[in-house]
Amino acid sequence: MATPLGILAAVAGAFAYVGTVDPNEPGHYPVCPLLQLTGAFCPGCGGLRSAHAFVHGDLGAAFSANAVATTGYFLFAAVWVLWLVRAWRGQPLRIRLAPAWWWGIGTLLLAFTVVRNLPFGSALAP
C-alpha cells in the first residue's frame, strides 16, 4: 500500500504546486525547449496550464490547453485506483500492453502533435 499512496502524495503535491503557481504568468516555469527552438508545439505543450485549470475545476480550459494531458489525468486516476485495490488485496499490478497498443499510442501522440501545429488544428494548440 505504501507505493501507490506515496505516488498519490507526490502527484497531489505536484498538482498542488501547479495549482498555486500559475503557469499562465510568465517567469514561473521554463519555456518548452522544442517550442523555443522551433516554434512547434510538442505533445506536452500546455500541460502545466491544463493541470492548473484541472486543479481549479475548469475542465473546458484544461482540455483546451492540452486534451491529451487532461485525458491522461483521468487515465492515471483509473489505473491508480486499480493499483490501490490490487495492493490492498496483496496482488501486484501488472499492466501488459501488446506492441500494437504501444504503436497505437505513439501514433496517436504523433498525430496529435502534427495536427496541433497545422492551421486547421489550431483548436488543439495551447
N, C-alpha and C. Protein backbone atom coordinates (compact mmCIF):
# COMPACT_ATOMS: atom_id res chain seq x y z
N MET A 1 0.83 -1.21 0.00
CA MET A 1 0.00 0.00 0.00
C MET A 1 0.87 1.27 0.00
N ALA A 2 2.10 1.14 0.49
CA ALA A 2 2.94 2.33 0.62
C ALA A 2 3.27 2.95 -0.74
N THR A 3 3.55 2.12 -1.73
CA THR A 3 3.96 2.66 -3.02
C THR A 3 2.83 3.44 -3.70
N PRO A 4 1.63 2.87 -3.87
CA PRO A 4 0.59 3.68 -4.51
C PRO A 4 0.22 4.93 -3.72
N LEU A 5 0.26 4.84 -2.39
CA LEU A 5 -0.04 6.03 -1.58
C LEU A 5 1.07 7.06 -1.69
N GLY A 6 2.32 6.60 -1.79
CA GLY A 6 3.44 7.53 -1.99
C GLY A 6 3.36 8.22 -3.34
N ILE A 7 2.99 7.47 -4.37
CA ILE A 7 2.83 8.06 -5.70
C ILE A 7 1.69 9.08 -5.68
N LEU A 8 0.60 8.74 -5.01
CA LEU A 8 -0.51 9.69 -4.90
C LEU A 8 -0.07 10.96 -4.20
N ALA A 9 0.71 10.84 -3.14
CA ALA A 9 1.20 12.02 -2.41
C ALA A 9 2.07 12.89 -3.32
N ALA A 10 2.95 12.25 -4.10
CA ALA A 10 3.82 13.01 -5.00
C ALA A 10 3.01 13.72 -6.08
N VAL A 11 2.05 13.02 -6.67
CA VAL A 11 1.23 13.63 -7.72
C VAL A 11 0.36 14.74 -7.14
N ALA A 12 -0.20 14.51 -5.97
CA ALA A 12 -1.02 15.55 -5.33
C ALA A 12 -0.18 16.78 -5.01
N GLY A 13 1.05 16.56 -4.55
CA GLY A 13 1.95 17.68 -4.27
C GLY A 13 2.28 18.46 -5.53
N ALA A 14 2.54 17.75 -6.63
CA ALA A 14 2.84 18.42 -7.89
C ALA A 14 1.64 19.22 -8.39
N PHE A 15 0.45 18.63 -8.31
CA PHE A 15 -0.75 19.35 -8.74
C PHE A 15 -1.04 20.53 -7.81
N ALA A 16 -0.78 20.38 -6.53
CA ALA A 16 -0.98 21.49 -5.60
C ALA A 16 -0.05 22.65 -5.94
N TYR A 17 1.19 22.33 -6.27
CA TYR A 17 2.15 23.38 -6.63
C TYR A 17 1.70 24.09 -7.91
N VAL A 18 1.36 23.31 -8.94
CA VAL A 18 0.93 23.93 -10.20
C VAL A 18 -0.39 24.68 -10.01
N GLY A 19 -1.22 24.21 -9.09
CA GLY A 19 -2.47 24.90 -8.81
C GLY A 19 -2.27 26.25 -8.13
N THR A 20 -1.18 26.39 -7.37
CA THR A 20 -0.93 27.66 -6.68
C THR A 20 -0.01 28.60 -7.45
N VAL A 21 0.92 28.04 -8.23
CA VAL A 21 1.85 28.86 -9.02
C VAL A 21 1.36 28.83 -10.46
N ASP A 22 0.69 29.88 -10.87
CA ASP A 22 0.00 29.95 -12.16
C ASP A 22 0.98 29.92 -13.34
N PRO A 23 0.89 28.89 -14.20
CA PRO A 23 1.77 28.83 -15.37
C PRO A 23 1.38 29.83 -16.46
N ASN A 24 0.22 30.48 -16.32
CA ASN A 24 -0.18 31.49 -17.30
C ASN A 24 0.58 32.79 -17.12
N GLU A 25 1.21 32.97 -15.97
CA GLU A 25 2.02 34.17 -15.74
C GLU A 25 3.46 33.87 -16.11
N PRO A 26 4.06 34.68 -16.98
CA PRO A 26 5.42 34.39 -17.43
C PRO A 26 6.44 34.45 -16.29
N GLY A 27 7.47 33.64 -16.43
CA GLY A 27 8.57 33.66 -15.48
C GLY A 27 8.52 32.62 -14.38
N HIS A 28 7.42 31.91 -14.24
CA HIS A 28 7.32 30.90 -13.18
C HIS A 28 7.91 29.56 -13.59
N TYR A 29 7.79 29.22 -14.87
CA TYR A 29 8.24 27.92 -15.37
C TYR A 29 9.09 28.15 -16.61
N PRO A 30 10.01 27.24 -16.90
CA PRO A 30 10.79 27.40 -18.14
C PRO A 30 9.92 27.15 -19.37
N VAL A 31 10.33 27.72 -20.48
CA VAL A 31 9.62 27.54 -21.75
C VAL A 31 10.00 26.17 -22.32
N CYS A 32 9.07 25.53 -22.99
CA CYS A 32 9.33 24.25 -23.64
C CYS A 32 10.51 24.42 -24.61
N PRO A 33 11.55 23.58 -24.49
CA PRO A 33 12.71 23.73 -25.38
C PRO A 33 12.36 23.56 -26.86
N LEU A 34 11.48 22.63 -27.19
CA LEU A 34 11.10 22.44 -28.59
C LEU A 34 10.38 23.67 -29.11
N LEU A 35 9.48 24.23 -28.32
CA LEU A 35 8.76 25.43 -28.72
C LEU A 35 9.72 26.61 -28.87
N GLN A 36 10.66 26.73 -27.96
CA GLN A 36 11.61 27.83 -28.01
C GLN A 36 12.55 27.72 -29.22
N LEU A 37 12.98 26.50 -29.54
CA LEU A 37 13.93 26.32 -30.64
C LEU A 37 13.26 26.30 -32.01
N THR A 38 12.07 25.70 -32.11
CA THR A 38 11.46 25.51 -33.43
C THR A 38 10.15 26.26 -33.63
N GLY A 39 9.51 26.65 -32.54
CA GLY A 39 8.20 27.28 -32.65
C GLY A 39 7.07 26.27 -32.78
N ALA A 40 7.40 24.98 -32.70
CA ALA A 40 6.39 23.92 -32.82
C ALA A 40 5.98 23.45 -31.44
N PHE A 41 4.69 23.13 -31.30
CA PHE A 41 4.18 22.61 -30.04
C PHE A 41 4.45 21.11 -29.94
N CYS A 42 5.00 20.68 -28.82
CA CYS A 42 5.20 19.25 -28.57
C CYS A 42 3.91 18.69 -27.97
N PRO A 43 3.80 17.36 -27.79
CA PRO A 43 2.56 16.83 -27.21
C PRO A 43 2.33 17.30 -25.77
N GLY A 44 3.37 17.74 -25.09
CA GLY A 44 3.22 18.19 -23.70
C GLY A 44 2.97 19.67 -23.54
N CYS A 45 3.14 20.45 -24.62
CA CYS A 45 2.93 21.90 -24.52
C CYS A 45 1.51 22.19 -24.05
N GLY A 46 1.39 23.04 -23.06
CA GLY A 46 0.11 23.38 -22.48
C GLY A 46 -0.26 22.47 -21.32
N GLY A 47 0.60 21.50 -21.01
CA GLY A 47 0.31 20.56 -19.93
C GLY A 47 0.22 21.21 -18.56
N LEU A 48 1.10 22.17 -18.29
CA LEU A 48 1.05 22.86 -16.99
C LEU A 48 -0.21 23.72 -16.89
N ARG A 49 -0.55 24.40 -17.98
CA ARG A 49 -1.79 25.20 -17.97
C ARG A 49 -3.00 24.30 -17.83
N SER A 50 -2.93 23.13 -18.45
CA SER A 50 -4.00 22.15 -18.33
C SER A 50 -4.15 21.68 -16.89
N ALA A 51 -3.02 21.37 -16.25
CA ALA A 51 -3.05 20.92 -14.85
C ALA A 51 -3.58 22.02 -13.94
N HIS A 52 -3.18 23.26 -14.20
CA HIS A 52 -3.64 24.40 -13.38
C HIS A 52 -5.16 24.54 -13.50
N ALA A 53 -5.68 24.48 -14.72
CA ALA A 53 -7.12 24.59 -14.92
C ALA A 53 -7.84 23.39 -14.30
N PHE A 54 -7.26 22.21 -14.41
CA PHE A 54 -7.85 20.99 -13.85
C PHE A 54 -7.97 21.10 -12.34
N VAL A 55 -6.92 21.59 -11.69
CA VAL A 55 -6.94 21.76 -10.23
C VAL A 55 -8.04 22.73 -9.81
N HIS A 56 -8.28 23.74 -10.63
CA HIS A 56 -9.29 24.74 -10.31
C HIS A 56 -10.68 24.35 -10.81
N GLY A 57 -10.81 23.12 -11.34
CA GLY A 57 -12.12 22.61 -11.74
C GLY A 57 -12.62 23.09 -13.08
N ASP A 58 -11.77 23.72 -13.87
CA ASP A 58 -12.17 24.23 -15.18
C ASP A 58 -11.77 23.22 -16.25
N LEU A 59 -12.62 22.19 -16.44
CA LEU A 59 -12.29 21.13 -17.38
C LEU A 59 -12.24 21.61 -18.82
N GLY A 60 -13.05 22.58 -19.17
CA GLY A 60 -13.03 23.14 -20.52
C GLY A 60 -11.69 23.76 -20.84
N ALA A 61 -11.18 24.57 -19.93
CA ALA A 61 -9.87 25.20 -20.13
C ALA A 61 -8.76 24.15 -20.09
N ALA A 62 -8.92 23.13 -19.26
CA ALA A 62 -7.91 22.07 -19.19
C ALA A 62 -7.83 21.33 -20.52
N PHE A 63 -8.97 20.95 -21.09
CA PHE A 63 -8.98 20.28 -22.39
C PHE A 63 -8.47 21.20 -23.49
N SER A 64 -8.79 22.47 -23.39
CA SER A 64 -8.35 23.43 -24.40
C SER A 64 -6.82 23.60 -24.36
N ALA A 65 -6.23 23.57 -23.19
CA ALA A 65 -4.79 23.74 -23.07
C ALA A 65 -4.04 22.51 -23.57
N ASN A 66 -4.51 21.31 -23.22
CA ASN A 66 -3.88 20.08 -23.69
C ASN A 66 -4.85 18.92 -23.47
N ALA A 67 -5.52 18.52 -24.53
CA ALA A 67 -6.53 17.46 -24.43
C ALA A 67 -5.92 16.12 -24.05
N VAL A 68 -4.73 15.82 -24.55
CA VAL A 68 -4.10 14.54 -24.24
C VAL A 68 -3.71 14.49 -22.76
N ALA A 69 -3.16 15.57 -22.24
CA ALA A 69 -2.78 15.59 -20.83
C ALA A 69 -4.00 15.44 -19.94
N THR A 70 -5.07 16.15 -20.26
CA THR A 70 -6.27 16.07 -19.44
C THR A 70 -6.85 14.66 -19.47
N THR A 71 -6.86 14.03 -20.62
CA THR A 71 -7.30 12.64 -20.71
C THR A 71 -6.39 11.76 -19.87
N GLY A 72 -5.11 12.07 -19.88
CA GLY A 72 -4.15 11.32 -19.08
C GLY A 72 -4.41 11.42 -17.59
N TYR A 73 -4.91 12.54 -17.12
CA TYR A 73 -5.21 12.69 -15.69
C TYR A 73 -6.28 11.68 -15.28
N PHE A 74 -7.31 11.53 -16.11
CA PHE A 74 -8.37 10.58 -15.81
C PHE A 74 -7.87 9.14 -15.94
N LEU A 75 -7.05 8.89 -16.93
CA LEU A 75 -6.48 7.55 -17.09
C LEU A 75 -5.59 7.20 -15.90
N PHE A 76 -4.77 8.15 -15.46
CA PHE A 76 -3.93 7.93 -14.29
C PHE A 76 -4.79 7.60 -13.07
N ALA A 77 -5.88 8.33 -12.88
CA ALA A 77 -6.75 8.09 -11.72
C ALA A 77 -7.33 6.68 -11.77
N ALA A 78 -7.76 6.23 -12.94
CA ALA A 78 -8.33 4.88 -13.06
C ALA A 78 -7.28 3.81 -12.77
N VAL A 79 -6.09 3.98 -13.33
CA VAL A 79 -5.02 3.00 -13.09
C VAL A 79 -4.60 3.03 -11.63
N TRP A 80 -4.56 4.22 -11.04
CA TRP A 80 -4.16 4.32 -9.64
C TRP A 80 -5.16 3.60 -8.73
N VAL A 81 -6.45 3.75 -8.99
CA VAL A 81 -7.47 3.06 -8.19
C VAL A 81 -7.30 1.55 -8.34
N LEU A 82 -7.09 1.09 -9.57
CA LEU A 82 -6.85 -0.34 -9.79
C LEU A 82 -5.61 -0.80 -9.02
N TRP A 83 -4.55 -0.01 -9.05
CA TRP A 83 -3.31 -0.32 -8.34
C TRP A 83 -3.57 -0.41 -6.83
N LEU A 84 -4.32 0.54 -6.31
CA LEU A 84 -4.60 0.56 -4.87
C LEU A 84 -5.42 -0.67 -4.45
N VAL A 85 -6.43 -1.01 -5.24
CA VAL A 85 -7.26 -2.18 -4.92
C VAL A 85 -6.41 -3.44 -4.95
N ARG A 86 -5.58 -3.58 -5.96
CA ARG A 86 -4.72 -4.77 -6.05
C ARG A 86 -3.70 -4.79 -4.92
N ALA A 87 -3.16 -3.66 -4.54
CA ALA A 87 -2.21 -3.61 -3.42
C ALA A 87 -2.92 -3.98 -2.12
N TRP A 88 -4.15 -3.55 -1.96
CA TRP A 88 -4.94 -3.87 -0.77
C TRP A 88 -5.14 -5.38 -0.66
N ARG A 89 -5.32 -6.03 -1.80
CA ARG A 89 -5.52 -7.47 -1.83
C ARG A 89 -4.20 -8.25 -1.82
N GLY A 90 -3.07 -7.52 -1.83
CA GLY A 90 -1.76 -8.17 -1.83
C GLY A 90 -1.34 -8.70 -3.18
N GLN A 91 -1.94 -8.18 -4.25
CA GLN A 91 -1.62 -8.61 -5.61
C GLN A 91 -0.82 -7.52 -6.31
N PRO A 92 0.14 -7.91 -7.14
CA PRO A 92 0.90 -6.90 -7.87
C PRO A 92 0.07 -6.32 -9.03
N LEU A 93 0.41 -5.11 -9.41
CA LEU A 93 -0.24 -4.50 -10.57
C LEU A 93 0.62 -4.80 -11.79
N ARG A 94 0.07 -5.51 -12.71
CA ARG A 94 0.79 -5.82 -13.95
C ARG A 94 -0.10 -5.41 -15.11
N ILE A 95 0.35 -4.41 -15.81
CA ILE A 95 -0.37 -3.97 -17.00
C ILE A 95 0.52 -4.29 -18.18
N ARG A 96 0.08 -5.22 -18.97
CA ARG A 96 0.86 -5.62 -20.14
C ARG A 96 0.08 -5.23 -21.38
N LEU A 97 0.70 -4.41 -22.17
CA LEU A 97 0.09 -4.00 -23.42
C LEU A 97 0.85 -4.63 -24.57
N ALA A 98 0.13 -5.15 -25.51
CA ALA A 98 0.74 -5.73 -26.71
C ALA A 98 1.44 -4.62 -27.49
N PRO A 99 2.46 -4.98 -28.26
CA PRO A 99 3.16 -3.95 -29.05
C PRO A 99 2.23 -3.11 -29.92
N ALA A 100 1.16 -3.70 -30.41
CA ALA A 100 0.22 -2.94 -31.24
C ALA A 100 -0.38 -1.77 -30.46
N TRP A 101 -0.64 -1.96 -29.18
CA TRP A 101 -1.16 -0.86 -28.35
C TRP A 101 -0.13 0.26 -28.22
N TRP A 102 1.13 -0.10 -27.98
CA TRP A 102 2.19 0.91 -27.86
C TRP A 102 2.34 1.68 -29.17
N TRP A 103 2.29 0.97 -30.29
CA TRP A 103 2.36 1.64 -31.59
C TRP A 103 1.15 2.55 -31.78
N GLY A 104 0.00 2.11 -31.35
CA GLY A 104 -1.21 2.93 -31.45
C GLY A 104 -1.11 4.20 -30.62
N ILE A 105 -0.61 4.06 -29.40
CA ILE A 105 -0.44 5.23 -28.52
C ILE A 105 0.57 6.20 -29.13
N GLY A 106 1.67 5.66 -29.63
CA GLY A 106 2.67 6.51 -30.28
C GLY A 106 2.12 7.22 -31.50
N THR A 107 1.34 6.50 -32.29
CA THR A 107 0.72 7.10 -33.48
C THR A 107 -0.26 8.20 -33.10
N LEU A 108 -1.03 7.95 -32.05
CA LEU A 108 -1.97 8.96 -31.57
C LEU A 108 -1.24 10.23 -31.12
N LEU A 109 -0.15 10.07 -30.35
CA LEU A 109 0.61 11.23 -29.90
C LEU A 109 1.27 11.97 -31.06
N LEU A 110 1.77 11.21 -32.03
CA LEU A 110 2.36 11.85 -33.21
C LEU A 110 1.32 12.62 -34.00
N ALA A 111 0.15 12.01 -34.20
CA ALA A 111 -0.93 12.69 -34.93
C ALA A 111 -1.38 13.95 -34.18
N PHE A 112 -1.52 13.84 -32.86
CA PHE A 112 -1.90 15.00 -32.05
C PHE A 112 -0.88 16.12 -32.21
N THR A 113 0.41 15.76 -32.18
CA THR A 113 1.47 16.76 -32.31
C THR A 113 1.43 17.42 -33.68
N VAL A 114 1.28 16.65 -34.73
CA VAL A 114 1.27 17.21 -36.08
C VAL A 114 0.04 18.09 -36.28
N VAL A 115 -1.12 17.58 -35.92
CA VAL A 115 -2.37 18.32 -36.16
C VAL A 115 -2.39 19.62 -35.38
N ARG A 116 -1.91 19.63 -34.14
CA ARG A 116 -1.98 20.86 -33.35
C ARG A 116 -1.05 21.94 -33.87
N ASN A 117 -0.11 21.57 -34.75
CA ASN A 117 0.80 22.54 -35.35
C ASN A 117 0.39 22.98 -36.74
N LEU A 118 -0.71 22.45 -37.24
CA LEU A 118 -1.23 22.84 -38.55
C LEU A 118 -2.35 23.87 -38.39
N PRO A 119 -2.57 24.71 -39.41
CA PRO A 119 -3.59 25.75 -39.28
C PRO A 119 -4.98 25.23 -38.94
N PHE A 120 -5.39 24.09 -39.55
CA PHE A 120 -6.74 23.58 -39.27
C PHE A 120 -6.85 22.93 -37.90
N GLY A 121 -5.72 22.67 -37.23
CA GLY A 121 -5.75 22.06 -35.91
C GLY A 121 -5.47 23.04 -34.79
N SER A 122 -5.64 24.32 -35.07
CA SER A 122 -5.31 25.33 -34.07
C SER A 122 -6.14 25.22 -32.80
N ALA A 123 -7.28 24.55 -32.87
CA ALA A 123 -8.09 24.35 -31.67
C ALA A 123 -7.37 23.45 -30.66
N LEU A 124 -6.44 22.63 -31.14
CA LEU A 124 -5.68 21.74 -30.25
C LEU A 124 -4.42 22.40 -29.71
N ALA A 125 -4.06 23.56 -30.22
CA ALA A 125 -2.87 24.26 -29.75
C ALA A 125 -3.16 24.90 -28.40
N PRO A 126 -2.14 24.97 -27.55
CA PRO A 126 -2.38 25.58 -26.22
C PRO A 126 -2.64 27.08 -26.29
